[in-house]
Amino acid sequence: MSNSKLRYLSEQAAETLWEGVEENLTRYTNGDFADLFEVPGWQIPFDTLEVDLEPLKELHHDKSPKAEVENSLLVWKALYSLSPALACENRIWTRLSHCEGLEYSRARWISSGADNEELIKSVKKHFFARTQTRYRDDHAISRLWWNARIAKNIRPDDQRSALELILSKADIRSGLFERRWMFSSCNLAKGILRTMEINSEILEEKRFRRFLIKVNEFGGGKAFDLMEELEISSFLEKCITHSEASE
């Protein structure tokens, strides 16, 4: 274990990178940014936040659900001490995808056969975290942290099983993450995962989306944190029944 202070970019350094994506394309495809590491603004440390970034070297480069689970756990291992507020900070994630996480970010998100226009679009989407959608869903490293954070909140003692359910299909993750309010209640989130385990047939894309629509429709105004497990399970069964009837 090798702890060091977590570092972030200055506003100017982050903006310079954003504006310079096109001129830096060769760095993204087969180079690096090592010559910039000592430039002022690239190495700003958090005085009280130490992390071990070694697990980022172990990130898997394939796109399988299994790799997404393992990578989410590796990023969490490295950055579990990061607060949700800091995990919204573009300058942390942008630095990581250009430094310690560059090899993974490039292998996972840069296509060797892409033209310059496609490369620029991919870099801006996966190497920067300037909006909520970007840091939650698109950034190469931060999306993995948010996977793990939500799974940990739902199942503190079994983060892996929660991740395996959430990441079993890309459309399941997107369907759940688009409705963040469902995760604001741990009781409801736990109930949804239990339902996914018991009723595996709803994991089919169209069925799952219909199910979530009904949860959204019938769940407004309900105090899920005050409800017992059996009551939430009954509510979710009702949602399944109505979602299947609307097929």
C-alpha atoms as a PDB file:
ATOM      1  CA  MET A   1       0.000   0.000   0.000  1.00  0.00           C
ATOM      2  CA  SER A   2       1.423   3.354  -1.063  1.00  0.00           C
ATOM      3  CA  ASN A   3      -0.550   6.335   0.183  1.00  0.00           C
ATOM      4  CA  SER A   4      -0.046   9.839  -1.112  1.00  0.00           C
ATOM      5  CA  LYS A   5      -2.050  13.039  -1.134  1.00  0.00           C
ATOM      6  CA  LEU A   6      -4.775  13.161  -3.766  1.00  0.00           C
ATOM      7  CA  ARG A   7      -3.989  15.823  -6.347  1.00  0.00           C
ATOM      8  CA  TYR A   8      -6.134  17.912  -8.653  1.00  0.00           C
ATOM      9  CA  LEU A   9      -5.744  20.429 -11.472  1.00  0.00           C
ATOM     10  CA  SER A  10      -6.075  24.167 -11.233  1.00  0.00           C
ATOM     11  CA  GLU A  11      -9.012  25.718 -13.080  1.00  0.00           C
ATOM     12  CA  GLN A  12      -6.583  27.096 -15.654  1.00  0.00           C
ATOM     13  CA  ALA A  13      -4.876  23.746 -16.247  1.00  0.00           C
ATOM     14  CA  ALA A  14      -8.227  21.966 -16.632  1.00  0.00           C
ATOM     15  CA  GLU A  15      -9.478  24.609 -19.060  1.00  0.00           C
ATOM     16  CA  THR A  16      -6.234  24.499 -21.063  1.00  0.00           C
ATOM     17  CA  LEU A  17      -6.610  20.744 -21.487  1.00  0.00           C
ATOM     18  CA  TRP A  18     -10.244  21.124 -22.556  1.00  0.00           C
ATOM     19  CA  GLU A  19      -9.425  23.782 -25.117  1.00  0.00           C
ATOM     20  CA  GLY A  20      -6.368  21.879 -26.358  1.00  0.00           C
ATOM     21  CA  VAL A  21      -7.907  18.462 -27.048  1.00  0.00           C
ATOM     22  CA  GLU A  22      -7.451  18.687 -30.817  1.00  0.00           C
ATOM     23  CA  GLU A  23      -3.787  19.702 -30.666  1.00  0.00           C
ATOM     24  CA  ASN A  24      -3.132  16.960 -28.077  1.00  0.00           C
ATOM     25  CA  LEU A  25      -4.735  14.083 -30.015  1.00  0.00           C
ATOM     26  CA  THR A  26      -1.451  12.222 -30.438  1.00  0.00           C
ATOM     27  CA  ARG A  27      -0.968  12.339 -26.657  1.00  0.00           C
ATOM     28  CA  TYR A  28      -4.364  10.712 -26.197  1.00  0.00           C
ATOM     29  CA  THR A  29      -3.853   8.022 -28.847  1.00  0.00           C
ATOM     30  CA  ASN A  30      -0.273   6.902 -28.147  1.00  0.00           C
ATOM     31  CA  GLY A  31       1.529   9.425 -25.945  1.00  0.00           C
ATOM     32  CA  ASP A  32       1.177  10.850 -22.465  1.00  0.00           C
ATOM     33  CA  PHE A  33       1.152  14.087 -20.484  1.00  0.00           C
ATOM     34  CA  ALA A  34       4.210  13.365 -18.342  1.00  0.00           C
ATOM     35  CA  ASP A  35       6.029  16.503 -19.458  1.00  0.00           C
ATOM     36  CA  LEU A  36       3.180  18.571 -18.010  1.00  0.00           C
ATOM     37  CA  PHE A  37       3.173  16.969 -14.570  1.00  0.00           C
ATOM     38  CA  GLU A  38       5.559  19.589 -13.171  1.00  0.00           C
ATOM     39  CA  VAL A  39       3.770  22.524 -14.774  1.00  0.00           C
ATOM     40  CA  PRO A  40       2.176  24.750 -12.102  1.00  0.00           C
ATOM     41  CA  GLY A  41      -1.449  23.775 -11.651  1.00  0.00           C
ATOM     42  CA  TRP A  42      -1.020  20.061 -12.305  1.00  0.00           C
ATOM     43  CA  GLN A  43      -0.023  18.918  -8.831  1.00  0.00           C
ATOM     44  CA  ILE A  44      -2.277  20.689  -6.317  1.00  0.00           C
ATOM     45  CA  PRO A  45      -2.585  18.400  -3.257  1.00  0.00           C
ATOM     46  CA  PHE A  46      -5.428  17.985  -0.795  1.00  0.00           C
ATOM     47  CA  ASP A  47      -3.674  18.488   2.546  1.00  0.00           C
ATOM     48  CA  THR A  48      -5.924  16.084   4.466  1.00  0.00           C
ATOM     49  CA  LEU A  49      -6.884  13.503   1.844  1.00  0.00           C
ATOM     50  CA  GLU A  50      -4.512  10.602   1.218  1.00  0.00           C
ATOM     51  CA  VAL A  51      -5.245   7.813  -1.254  1.00  0.00           C
ATOM     52  CA  ASP A  52      -3.565   4.748  -2.730  1.00  0.00           C
ATOM     53  CA  LEU A  53      -3.838   4.925  -6.528  1.00  0.00           C
ATOM     54  CA  GLU A  54      -1.989   1.656  -7.192  1.00  0.00           C
ATOM     55  CA  PRO A  55      -5.266  -0.237  -7.882  1.00  0.00           C
ATOM     56  CA  LEU A  56      -5.786   1.937 -10.974  1.00  0.00           C
ATOM     57  CA  LYS A  57      -2.909   0.047 -12.595  1.00  0.00           C
ATOM     58  CA  GLU A  58      -4.988  -3.140 -12.376  1.00  0.00           C
ATOM     59  CA  LEU A  59      -8.046  -1.851 -14.255  1.00  0.00           C
ATOM     60  CA  HIS A  60      -9.328  -4.261 -16.908  1.00  0.00           C
ATOM     61  CA  HIS A  61      -9.583  -2.905 -20.439  1.00  0.00           C
ATOM     62  CA  ASP A  62     -12.491  -4.994 -21.781  1.00  0.00           C
ATOM     63  CA  LYS A  63     -16.131  -3.892 -21.817  1.00  0.00           C
ATOM     64  CA  SER A  64     -17.802  -6.891 -20.172  1.00  0.00           C
ATOM     65  CA  PRO A  65     -20.156  -6.505 -17.177  1.00  0.00           C
ATOM     66  CA  LYS A  66     -17.668  -8.567 -15.146  1.00  0.00           C
ATOM     67  CA  ALA A  67     -14.889  -6.088 -15.956  1.00  0.00           C
ATOM     68  CA  GLU A  68     -17.157  -3.176 -15.015  1.00  0.00           C
ATOM     69  CA  VAL A  69     -17.798  -4.773 -11.623  1.00  0.00           C
ATOM     70  CA  GLU A  70     -14.121  -5.457 -10.968  1.00  0.00           C
ATOM     71  CA  ASN A  71     -13.081  -1.998 -12.152  1.00  0.00           C
ATOM     72  CA  SER A  72     -15.683  -0.310  -9.966  1.00  0.00           C
ATOM     73  CA  LEU A  73     -14.313  -2.198  -6.960  1.00  0.00           C
ATOM     74  CA  LEU A  74     -10.729  -1.254  -7.873  1.00  0.00           C
ATOM     75  CA  VAL A  75     -11.573   2.441  -8.179  1.00  0.00           C
ATOM     76  CA  TRP A  76     -13.424   2.261  -4.872  1.00  0.00           C
ATOM     77  CA  LYS A  77     -10.420   0.580  -3.265  1.00  0.00           C
ATOM     78  CA  ALA A  78      -8.266   3.455  -4.448  1.00  0.00           C
ATOM     79  CA  LEU A  79     -10.668   6.312  -3.704  1.00  0.00           C
ATOM     80  CA  TYR A  80     -13.136   5.130  -1.047  1.00  0.00           C
ATOM     81  CA  SER A  81     -12.194   8.098   1.148  1.00  0.00           C
ATOM     82  CA  LEU A  82     -13.422  10.582  -1.467  1.00  0.00           C
ATOM     83  CA  SER A  83     -16.585  12.383  -0.381  1.00  0.00           C
ATOM     84  CA  PRO A  84     -19.611  12.581  -2.728  1.00  0.00           C
ATOM     85  CA  ALA A  85     -19.106  16.354  -2.925  1.00  0.00           C
ATOM     86  CA  LEU A  86     -15.499  15.970  -4.098  1.00  0.00           C
ATOM     87  CA  ALA A  87     -16.569  13.172  -6.440  1.00  0.00           C
ATOM     88  CA  CYS A  88     -18.441  15.816  -8.445  1.00  0.00           C
ATOM     89  CA  GLU A  89     -15.227  17.795  -9.028  1.00  0.00           C
ATOM     90  CA  ASN A  90     -14.084  17.852 -12.636  1.00  0.00           C
ATOM     91  CA  ARG A  91     -10.505  18.821 -11.753  1.00  0.00           C
ATOM     92  CA  ILE A  92      -9.930  15.614  -9.764  1.00  0.00           C
ATOM     93  CA  TRP A  93     -11.252  13.277 -12.438  1.00  0.00           C
ATOM     94  CA  THR A  94      -9.682  15.134 -15.339  1.00  0.00           C
ATOM     95  CA  ARG A  95      -6.265  14.853 -13.723  1.00  0.00           C
ATOM     96  CA  LEU A  96      -6.718  11.147 -13.010  1.00  0.00           C
ATOM     97  CA  SER A  97      -7.706  10.328 -16.598  1.00  0.00           C
ATOM     98  CA  HIS A  98      -4.664  12.233 -17.884  1.00  0.00           C
ATOM     99  CA  CYS A  99      -2.207  10.852 -15.317  1.00  0.00           C
ATOM    100  CA  GLU A 100      -2.589   7.662 -13.264  1.00  0.00           C
ATOM    101  CA  GLY A 101      -5.648   6.494 -15.218  1.00  0.00           C
ATOM    102  CA  LEU A 102      -4.467   7.417 -18.709  1.00  0.00           C
ATOM    103  CA  GLU A 103      -3.562   3.903 -19.885  1.00  0.00           C
ATOM    104  CA  TYR A 104      -6.961   2.498 -18.889  1.00  0.00           C
ATOM    105  CA  SER A 105      -8.927   5.510 -20.168  1.00  0.00           C
ATOM    106  CA  ARG A 106      -7.216   5.281 -23.554  1.00  0.00           C
ATOM    107  CA  ALA A 107      -7.578   1.511 -23.882  1.00  0.00           C
ATOM    108  CA  ARG A 108     -11.239   1.586 -22.870  1.00  0.00           C
ATOM    109  CA  TRP A 109     -12.496   4.633 -24.732  1.00  0.00           C
ATOM    110  CA  ILE A 110     -10.146   5.565 -27.600  1.00  0.00           C
ATOM    111  CA  SER A 111     -10.814   3.677 -30.820  1.00  0.00           C
ATOM    112  CA  SER A 112      -7.730   3.065 -32.982  1.00  0.00           C
ATOM    113  CA  GLY A 113      -9.753   3.369 -36.187  1.00  0.00           C
ATOM    114  CA  ALA A 114     -11.545   6.612 -35.296  1.00  0.00           C
ATOM    115  CA  ASP A 115     -11.051   9.784 -37.304  1.00  0.00           C
ATOM    116  CA  ASN A 116     -10.079  13.061 -35.638  1.00  0.00           C
ATOM    117  CA  GLU A 117     -13.656  14.240 -35.180  1.00  0.00           C
ATOM    118  CA  GLU A 118     -14.626  11.002 -33.443  1.00  0.00           C
ATOM    119  CA  LEU A 119     -11.482  11.101 -31.289  1.00  0.00           C
ATOM    120  CA  ILE A 120     -12.166  14.651 -30.129  1.00  0.00           C
ATOM    121  CA  LYS A 121     -15.747  13.730 -29.225  1.00  0.00           C
ATOM    122  CA  SER A 122     -14.634  10.632 -27.300  1.00  0.00           C
ATOM    123  CA  VAL A 123     -11.900  12.474 -25.396  1.00  0.00           C
ATOM    124  CA  LYS A 124     -14.227  15.283 -24.344  1.00  0.00           C
ATOM    125  CA  LYS A 125     -16.824  12.760 -23.222  1.00  0.00           C
ATOM    126  CA  HIS A 126     -14.622  10.314 -21.312  1.00  0.00           C
ATOM    127  CA  PHE A 127     -11.586  12.306 -20.121  1.00  0.00           C
ATOM    128  CA  PHE A 128     -13.437  15.296 -18.626  1.00  0.00           C
ATOM    129  CA  ALA A 129     -16.187  15.458 -16.001  1.00  0.00           C
ATOM    130  CA  ARG A 130     -17.589  18.945 -16.450  1.00  0.00           C
ATOM    131  CA  THR A 131     -21.286  18.128 -15.845  1.00  0.00           C
ATOM    132  CA  GLN A 132     -23.342  15.759 -13.704  1.00  0.00           C
ATOM    133  CA  THR A 133     -23.984  13.483 -16.678  1.00  0.00           C
ATOM    134  CA  ARG A 134     -20.265  13.391 -17.461  1.00  0.00           C
ATOM    135  CA  TYR A 135     -18.995  12.507 -13.964  1.00  0.00           C
ATOM    136  CA  ARG A 136     -21.868  10.125 -13.236  1.00  0.00           C
ATOM    137  CA  ASP A 137     -22.167   8.295 -16.559  1.00  0.00           C
ATOM    138  CA  ASP A 138     -19.336   9.066 -18.975  1.00  0.00           C
ATOM    139  CA  HIS A 139     -15.964   9.866 -17.425  1.00  0.00           C
ATOM    140  CA  ALA A 140     -13.636   6.873 -17.671  1.00  0.00           C
ATOM    141  CA  ILE A 141     -12.809   6.744 -13.941  1.00  0.00           C
ATOM    142  CA  SER A 142     -15.530   8.674 -12.121  1.00  0.00           C
ATOM    143  CA  ARG A 143     -18.400   6.574 -13.485  1.00  0.00           C
ATOM    144  CA  LEU A 144     -16.769   3.548 -11.844  1.00  0.00           C
ATOM    145  CA  TRP A 145     -16.538   5.379  -8.506  1.00  0.00           C
ATOM    146  CA  TRP A 146     -20.233   6.292  -8.642  1.00  0.00           C
ATOM    147  CA  ASN A 147     -21.145   2.681  -9.451  1.00  0.00           C
ATOM    148  CA  ALA A 148     -19.309   1.545  -6.347  1.00  0.00           C
ATOM    149  CA  ARG A 149     -20.609   4.369  -4.145  1.00  0.00           C
ATOM    150  CA  ILE A 150     -24.246   3.576  -4.892  1.00  0.00           C
ATOM    151  CA  ALA A 151     -23.687  -0.169  -4.480  1.00  0.00           C
ATOM    152  CA  LYS A 152     -21.971   0.434  -1.127  1.00  0.00           C
ATOM    153  CA  ASN A 153     -24.869   2.566   0.094  1.00  0.00           C
ATOM    154  CA  ILE A 154     -27.402  -0.097  -0.832  1.00  0.00           C
ATOM    155  CA  ARG A 155     -25.474  -3.103   0.439  1.00  0.00           C
ATOM    156  CA  PRO A 156     -22.677  -2.023   2.784  1.00  0.00           C
ATOM    157  CA  ASP A 157     -21.768  -5.645   3.544  1.00  0.00           C
ATOM    158  CA  ASP A 158     -22.054  -6.985   0.000  1.00  0.00           C
ATOM    159  CA  GLN A 159     -21.038  -4.252  -2.413  1.00  0.00           C
ATOM    160  CA  ARG A 160     -20.075  -6.782  -5.086  1.00  0.00           C
ATOM    161  CA  SER A 161     -23.523  -8.400  -5.378  1.00  0.00           C
ATOM    162  CA  ALA A 162     -25.159  -4.981  -5.676  1.00  0.00           C
ATOM    163  CA  LEU A 163     -22.721  -4.055  -8.439  1.00  0.00           C
ATOM    164  CA  GLU A 164     -23.345  -7.324 -10.271  1.00  0.00           C
ATOM    165  CA  LEU A 165     -27.061  -6.538 -10.394  1.00  0.00           C
ATOM    166  CA  ILE A 166     -26.721  -2.859 -11.287  1.00  0.00           C
ATOM    167  CA  LEU A 167     -24.135  -3.549 -14.003  1.00  0.00           C
ATOM    168  CA  SER A 168     -25.562  -6.785 -15.389  1.00  0.00           C
ATOM    169  CA  LYS A 169     -26.735  -4.834 -18.440  1.00  0.00           C
ATOM    170  CA  ALA A 170     -25.925  -1.299 -19.593  1.00  0.00           C
ATOM    171  CA  ASP A 171     -29.595  -0.397 -19.890  1.00  0.00           C
ATOM    172  CA  ILE A 172     -30.234  -1.438 -16.285  1.00  0.00           C
ATOM    173  CA  ARG A 173     -27.550   0.931 -15.031  1.00  0.00           C
ATOM    174  CA  SER A 174     -28.824   3.775 -17.182  1.00  0.00           C
ATOM    175  CA  GLY A 175     -32.428   3.126 -16.206  1.00  0.00           C
ATOM    176  CA  LEU A 176     -31.581   3.261 -12.515  1.00  0.00           C
ATOM    177  CA  PHE A 177     -29.135   6.156 -12.671  1.00  0.00           C
ATOM    178  CA  GLU A 178     -31.541   8.293 -14.691  1.00  0.00           C
ATOM    179  CA  ARG A 179     -33.880   8.071 -11.697  1.00  0.00           C
ATOM    180  CA  ARG A 180     -31.504   9.081  -8.923  1.00  0.00           C
ATOM    181  CA  TRP A 181     -34.373   9.724  -6.507  1.00  0.00           C
ATOM    182  CA  MET A 182     -34.861   5.946  -6.254  1.00  0.00           C
ATOM    183  CA  PHE A 183     -31.436   5.702  -4.622  1.00  0.00           C
ATOM    184  CA  SER A 184     -32.143   8.561  -2.205  1.00  0.00           C
ATOM    185  CA  SER A 185     -34.129   6.042  -0.170  1.00  0.00           C
ATOM    186  CA  CYS A 186     -31.957   3.117   0.870  1.00  0.00           C
ATOM    187  CA  ASN A 187     -35.078   1.073   1.677  1.00  0.00           C
ATOM    188  CA  LEU A 188     -36.466   1.471  -1.832  1.00  0.00           C
ATOM    189  CA  ALA A 189     -33.080   0.847  -3.469  1.00  0.00           C
ATOM    190  CA  LYS A 190     -32.602  -2.333  -1.439  1.00  0.00           C
ATOM    191  CA  GLY A 191     -36.105  -3.427  -2.379  1.00  0.00           C
ATOM    192  CA  ILE A 192     -35.471  -2.876  -6.081  1.00  0.00           C
ATOM    193  CA  LEU A 193     -32.322  -5.018  -5.932  1.00  0.00           C
ATOM    194  CA  ARG A 194     -34.165  -7.776  -4.041  1.00  0.00           C
ATOM    195  CA  THR A 195     -36.893  -7.670  -6.677  1.00  0.00           C
ATOM    196  CA  MET A 196     -34.310  -7.923  -9.454  1.00  0.00           C
ATOM    197  CA  GLU A 197     -32.865 -11.045  -7.806  1.00  0.00           C
ATOM    198  CA  ILE A 198     -36.226 -12.718  -7.212  1.00  0.00           C
ATOM    199  CA  ASN A 199     -37.846 -11.742 -10.509  1.00  0.00           C
ATOM    200  CA  SER A 200     -34.985 -12.113 -12.963  1.00  0.00           C
ATOM    201  CA  GLU A 201     -37.393 -11.964 -15.908  1.00  0.00           C
ATOM    202  CA  ILE A 202     -37.821  -8.212 -15.380  1.00  0.00           C
ATOM    203  CA  LEU A 203     -34.147  -7.697 -16.234  1.00  0.00           C
ATOM    204  CA  GLU A 204     -35.077  -7.840 -19.912  1.00  0.00           C
ATOM    205  CA  GLU A 205     -34.620  -4.284 -21.201  1.00  0.00           C
ATOM    206  CA  LYS A 206     -38.179  -3.336 -22.121  1.00  0.00           C
ATOM    207  CA  ARG A 207     -39.675  -5.023 -19.058  1.00  0.00           C
ATOM    208  CA  PHE A 208     -37.230  -3.319 -16.733  1.00  0.00           C
ATOM    209  CA  ARG A 209     -37.954   0.123 -18.150  1.00  0.00           C
ATOM    210  CA  ARG A 210     -41.720  -0.443 -17.832  1.00  0.00           C
ATOM    211  CA  PHE A 211     -41.175  -1.570 -14.240  1.00  0.00           C
ATOM    212  CA  LEU A 212     -39.203   1.575 -13.386  1.00  0.00           C
ATOM    213  CA  ILE A 213     -41.856   3.758 -15.020  1.00  0.00           C
ATOM    214  CA  LYS A 214     -44.453   2.226 -12.697  1.00  0.00           C
ATOM    215  CA  VAL A 215     -42.185   2.653  -9.655  1.00  0.00           C
ATOM    216  CA  ASN A 216     -41.898   6.300 -10.618  1.00  0.00           C
ATOM    217  CA  GLU A 217     -45.642   6.617 -11.241  1.00  0.00           C
ATOM    218  CA  PHE A 218     -46.820   4.950  -8.031  1.00  0.00           C
ATOM    219  CA  GLY A 219     -43.927   6.009  -5.792  1.00  0.00           C
ATOM    220  CA  GLY A 220     -44.486   9.750  -5.699  1.00  0.00           C
ATOM    221  CA  GLY A 221     -45.035  11.017  -2.176  1.00  0.00           C
ATOM    222  CA  LYS A 222     -44.385   7.689  -0.469  1.00  0.00           C
ATOM    223  CA  ALA A 223     -42.149   7.726   2.629  1.00  0.00           C
ATOM    224  CA  PHE A 224     -40.147   4.624   1.759  1.00  0.00           C
ATOM    225  CA  ASP A 225     -37.690   5.133   4.624  1.00  0.00           C
ATOM    226  CA  LEU A 226     -40.574   4.628   7.058  1.00  0.00           C
ATOM    227  CA  MET A 227     -41.851   1.483   5.350  1.00  0.00           C
ATOM    228  CA  GLU A 228     -41.094  -2.100   6.354  1.00  0.00           C
ATOM    229  CA  GLU A 229     -39.354  -4.482   3.956  1.00  0.00           C
ATOM    230  CA  LEU A 230     -42.560  -6.472   3.363  1.00  0.00           C
ATOM    231  CA  GLU A 231     -44.510  -3.304   2.541  1.00  0.00           C
ATOM    232  CA  ILE A 232     -41.900  -2.193   0.000  1.00  0.00           C
ATOM    233  CA  SER A 233     -41.822  -5.660  -1.562  1.00  0.00           C
ATOM    234  CA  SER A 234     -45.608  -5.551  -1.907  1.00  0.00           C
ATOM    235  CA  PHE A 235     -45.395  -2.114  -3.531  1.00  0.00           C
ATOM    236  CA  LEU A 236     -42.784  -3.339  -6.029  1.00  0.00           C
ATOM    237  CA  GLU A 237     -44.848  -6.435  -6.850  1.00  0.00           C
ATOM    238  CA  LYS A 238     -47.718  -4.106  -7.651  1.00  0.00           C
ATOM    239  CA  CYS A 239     -45.404  -2.171  -9.971  1.00  0.00           C
ATOM    240  CA  ILE A 240     -44.417  -5.371 -11.754  1.00  0.00           C
ATOM    241  CA  THR A 241     -48.040  -6.437 -12.168  1.00  0.00           C
ATOM    242  CA  HIS A 242     -49.057  -3.082 -13.655  1.00  0.00           C
ATOM    243  CA  SER A 243     -45.952  -2.908 -15.863  1.00  0.00           C
ATOM    244  CA  GLU A 244     -46.725  -6.343 -17.332  1.00  0.00           C
ATOM    245  CA  ALA A 245     -50.379  -5.387 -17.872  1.00  0.00           C
ATOM    246  CA  SER A 246     -49.273  -2.357 -19.900  1.00  0.00           C
ATOM    247  CA  GLU A 247     -47.127  -4.489 -22.233  1.00  0.00           C
END
